Amino acid sequence: MKPIRKIYQDAPDSIDIPEELRHQPVEIIIWPLTQAEWSELNLSTRHTGKRDENLSNHA
């Protein structure tokens, strides 16, 4: 199974855990992004037209 990376522009009150990851050991990391990091992510994803989307195999 591939890791899931989800970036939120506006973090919700709660985050749903995908069914296939429930009831097993997982690591959840909440890492606040600076404005500069957010801008860099937007630039790197702008060519796809996709934002705030699950990204696989990105650290």
C-alpha atoms as a PDB file:
ATOM      1  CA  MET A   1       0.000   0.000   0.000  1.00  0.00           C
ATOM      2  CA  LYS A   2       1.242   3.472  -0.853  1.00  0.00           C
ATOM      3  CA  PRO A   3       1.333   6.298   1.674  1.00  0.00           C
ATOM      4  CA  ILE A   4      -1.248   9.047   1.383  1.00  0.00           C
ATOM      5  CA  ARG A   5      -0.333  12.706   1.552  1.00  0.00           C
ATOM      6  CA  LYS A   6      -3.225  15.118   1.814  1.00  0.00           C
ATOM      7  CA  ILE A   7      -2.681  18.862   1.797  1.00  0.00           C
ATOM      8  CA  TYR A   8      -5.476  21.117   2.998  1.00  0.00           C
ATOM      9  CA  GLN A   9      -5.624  24.833   2.286  1.00  0.00           C
ATOM     10  CA  ASP A  10      -8.069  25.132   5.191  1.00  0.00           C
ATOM     11  CA  ALA A  11      -7.797  22.256   7.690  1.00  0.00           C
ATOM     12  CA  PRO A  12     -11.150  20.702   8.639  1.00  0.00           C
ATOM     13  CA  ASP A  13     -12.293  20.007  12.216  1.00  0.00           C
ATOM     14  CA  SER A  14     -11.710  16.280  11.671  1.00  0.00           C
ATOM     15  CA  ILE A  15     -10.021  14.085   9.079  1.00  0.00           C
ATOM     16  CA  ASP A  16     -11.531  10.876   7.732  1.00  0.00           C
ATOM     17  CA  ILE A  17      -9.315   7.801   7.757  1.00  0.00           C
ATOM     18  CA  PRO A  18      -9.688   5.663   4.608  1.00  0.00           C
ATOM     19  CA  GLU A  19     -11.410   2.341   5.283  1.00  0.00           C
ATOM     20  CA  GLU A  20      -8.378   0.324   4.153  1.00  0.00           C
ATOM     21  CA  LEU A  21      -6.200   2.003   6.814  1.00  0.00           C
ATOM     22  CA  ARG A  22      -8.544   1.575   9.768  1.00  0.00           C
ATOM     23  CA  HIS A  23      -7.908  -0.907  12.592  1.00  0.00           C
ATOM     24  CA  GLN A  24      -4.178  -1.231  11.947  1.00  0.00           C
ATOM     25  CA  PRO A  25      -1.064   0.644  13.034  1.00  0.00           C
ATOM     26  CA  VAL A  26      -0.607   3.935  11.155  1.00  0.00           C
ATOM     27  CA  GLU A  27       1.373   7.119  11.658  1.00  0.00           C
ATOM     28  CA  ILE A  28      -0.415  10.441  11.300  1.00  0.00           C
ATOM     29  CA  ILE A  29       1.698  13.590  11.077  1.00  0.00           C
ATOM     30  CA  ILE A  30       0.160  17.060  11.210  1.00  0.00           C
ATOM     31  CA  TRP A  31       2.718  19.502   9.800  1.00  0.00           C
ATOM     32  CA  PRO A  32       1.688  23.151   9.458  1.00  0.00           C
ATOM     33  CA  LEU A  33       2.926  24.757   6.241  1.00  0.00           C
ATOM     34  CA  THR A  34       4.384  28.246   6.106  1.00  0.00           C
ATOM     35  CA  GLN A  35       3.069  30.628   3.463  1.00  0.00           C
ATOM     36  CA  ALA A  36       6.301  30.079   1.476  1.00  0.00           C
ATOM     37  CA  GLU A  37       5.889  26.270   1.585  1.00  0.00           C
ATOM     38  CA  TRP A  38       2.248  26.564   0.546  1.00  0.00           C
ATOM     39  CA  SER A  39       3.179  28.861  -2.354  1.00  0.00           C
ATOM     40  CA  GLU A  40       5.888  26.425  -3.471  1.00  0.00           C
ATOM     41  CA  LEU A  41       3.417  23.524  -3.400  1.00  0.00           C
ATOM     42  CA  ASN A  42       0.917  25.528  -5.426  1.00  0.00           C
ATOM     43  CA  LEU A  43       3.601  26.293  -8.016  1.00  0.00           C
ATOM     44  CA  SER A  44       4.658  22.645  -8.226  1.00  0.00           C
ATOM     45  CA  THR A  45       1.061  21.423  -8.700  1.00  0.00           C
ATOM     46  CA  ARG A  46      -0.244  24.281 -10.850  1.00  0.00           C
ATOM     47  CA  HIS A  47       0.776  22.605 -14.141  1.00  0.00           C
ATOM     48  CA  THR A  48      -1.595  19.689 -13.415  1.00  0.00           C
ATOM     49  CA  GLY A  49      -4.478  21.937 -12.476  1.00  0.00           C
ATOM     50  CA  LYS A  50      -4.948  19.815  -9.339  1.00  0.00           C
ATOM     51  CA  ARG A  51      -4.778  21.178  -5.812  1.00  0.00           C
ATOM     52  CA  ASP A  52      -5.746  19.802  -2.391  1.00  0.00           C
ATOM     53  CA  GLU A  53      -5.612  16.282  -3.714  1.00  0.00           C
ATOM     54  CA  ASN A  54      -4.190  12.981  -2.481  1.00  0.00           C
ATOM     55  CA  LEU A  55      -0.615  12.596  -3.621  1.00  0.00           C
ATOM     56  CA  SER A  56       1.098   9.225  -3.458  1.00  0.00           C
ATOM     57  CA  ASN A  57       4.794   8.555  -2.873  1.00  0.00           C
ATOM     58  CA  HIS A  58       5.673  12.111  -1.870  1.00  0.00           C
ATOM     59  CA  ALA A  59       7.511  12.726   1.364  1.00  0.00           C
END
